[in-house]
Amino acid sequence: MEIDTKEELQLILAKRIKKLRIKEGVTQENAYGDTGIHFGRIEQGKRDPSYTTLIKISRYFNLKIEDFFSDGFDGV
C-alpha cells in the first residue's frame, strides 16, 4: 500500500510522536512546557511539523533523527 497524501503522512507522523510521548510517560502539557511545541496539534494530524521541529522532538526524546524515522514508517 503506497501512502502519498499529505494527510496520510501526517497521521503516520502523529502516531509516531504520540507513541514516543506515551512511552516516556510525558503528558502533552509537560512536553509543551519543556519544548514550546504544541504536541496536541501534531498528534491530531492538524499540524505538519517543520524539519527543525522534528529535530527538537527527536532531541527531546534523546533520539537521532534517523532513529526517530526508523520505527513506524514502514512502507512510507
Protein backbone atom coordinates (compact mmCIF):
# COMPACT_ATOMS: atom_id res chain seq x y z
CA MET A 1 0.00 0.00 0.00
CA GLU A 2 1.54 3.27 -1.09
CA ILE A 3 0.91 6.31 1.02
CA ASP A 4 1.09 9.57 -0.81
CA THR A 5 -1.34 12.12 0.57
CA LYS A 6 -0.18 14.78 2.97
CA GLU A 7 -2.91 13.82 5.43
CA GLU A 8 -1.89 10.16 5.48
CA LEU A 9 1.74 11.05 6.05
CA GLN A 10 0.84 13.50 8.82
CA LEU A 11 -1.18 10.80 10.59
CA ILE A 12 1.75 8.37 10.46
CA LEU A 13 4.00 11.05 11.91
CA ALA A 14 1.36 11.89 14.53
CA LYS A 15 1.18 8.27 15.67
CA ARG A 16 4.97 8.03 15.95
CA ILE A 17 5.20 11.15 18.10
CA LYS A 18 2.31 10.12 20.33
CA LYS A 19 3.80 6.66 20.78
CA LEU A 20 7.13 8.15 21.86
CA ARG A 21 5.49 10.59 24.25
CA ILE A 22 3.35 7.93 25.90
CA LYS A 23 6.29 5.51 26.12
CA GLU A 24 8.24 8.17 28.02
CA GLY A 25 5.26 8.89 30.28
CA VAL A 26 5.09 12.55 29.28
CA THR A 27 1.82 14.47 29.00
CA GLN A 28 1.16 16.83 26.12
CA GLU A 29 1.17 19.67 28.64
CA ASN A 30 4.57 18.71 30.03
CA ALA A 31 6.01 18.24 26.55
CA TYR A 32 4.75 21.69 25.58
CA GLY A 33 6.22 23.20 28.74
CA ASP A 34 9.58 21.55 28.09
CA THR A 35 9.79 22.31 24.36
CA GLY A 36 7.29 25.00 23.40
CA ILE A 37 5.96 22.58 20.79
CA HIS A 38 2.19 22.05 20.70
CA PHE A 39 2.16 18.24 20.62
CA GLY A 40 -1.64 18.08 20.59
CA ARG A 41 -1.94 19.67 17.15
CA ILE A 42 0.78 17.45 15.74
CA GLU A 43 -0.68 14.28 17.28
CA GLN A 44 -4.10 15.07 15.82
CA GLY A 45 -2.57 15.45 12.37
CA LYS A 46 -3.60 19.12 12.21
CA ARG A 47 -0.07 20.48 12.06
CA ASP A 48 2.68 19.45 9.70
CA PRO A 49 5.84 19.95 11.77
CA SER A 50 8.86 21.57 10.19
CA TYR A 51 12.24 19.92 9.97
CA THR A 52 13.52 21.98 12.90
CA THR A 53 10.52 20.95 15.00
CA LEU A 54 11.21 17.29 14.20
CA ILE A 55 14.83 17.77 15.26
CA LYS A 56 13.66 19.32 18.55
CA ILE A 57 11.22 16.45 19.14
CA SER A 58 13.94 13.89 18.38
CA ARG A 59 16.32 15.56 20.82
CA TYR A 60 13.59 15.78 23.44
CA PHE A 61 13.23 12.01 23.29
CA ASN A 62 17.03 11.53 23.11
CA LEU A 63 16.91 10.15 19.58
CA LYS A 64 18.95 10.80 16.49
CA ILE A 65 16.71 11.94 13.64
CA GLU A 66 17.41 8.70 11.75
CA ASP A 67 16.28 6.71 14.79
CA PHE A 68 13.14 8.80 15.02
CA PHE A 69 12.23 7.68 11.49
CA SER A 70 13.35 4.07 11.93
CA ASP A 71 10.18 2.91 13.70
CA GLY A 72 6.63 3.19 12.45
CA PHE A 73 7.44 4.38 8.96
CA ASP A 74 7.47 1.04 7.13
CA GLY A 75 6.14 1.39 3.61
CA VAL A 76 6.44 5.17 3.56
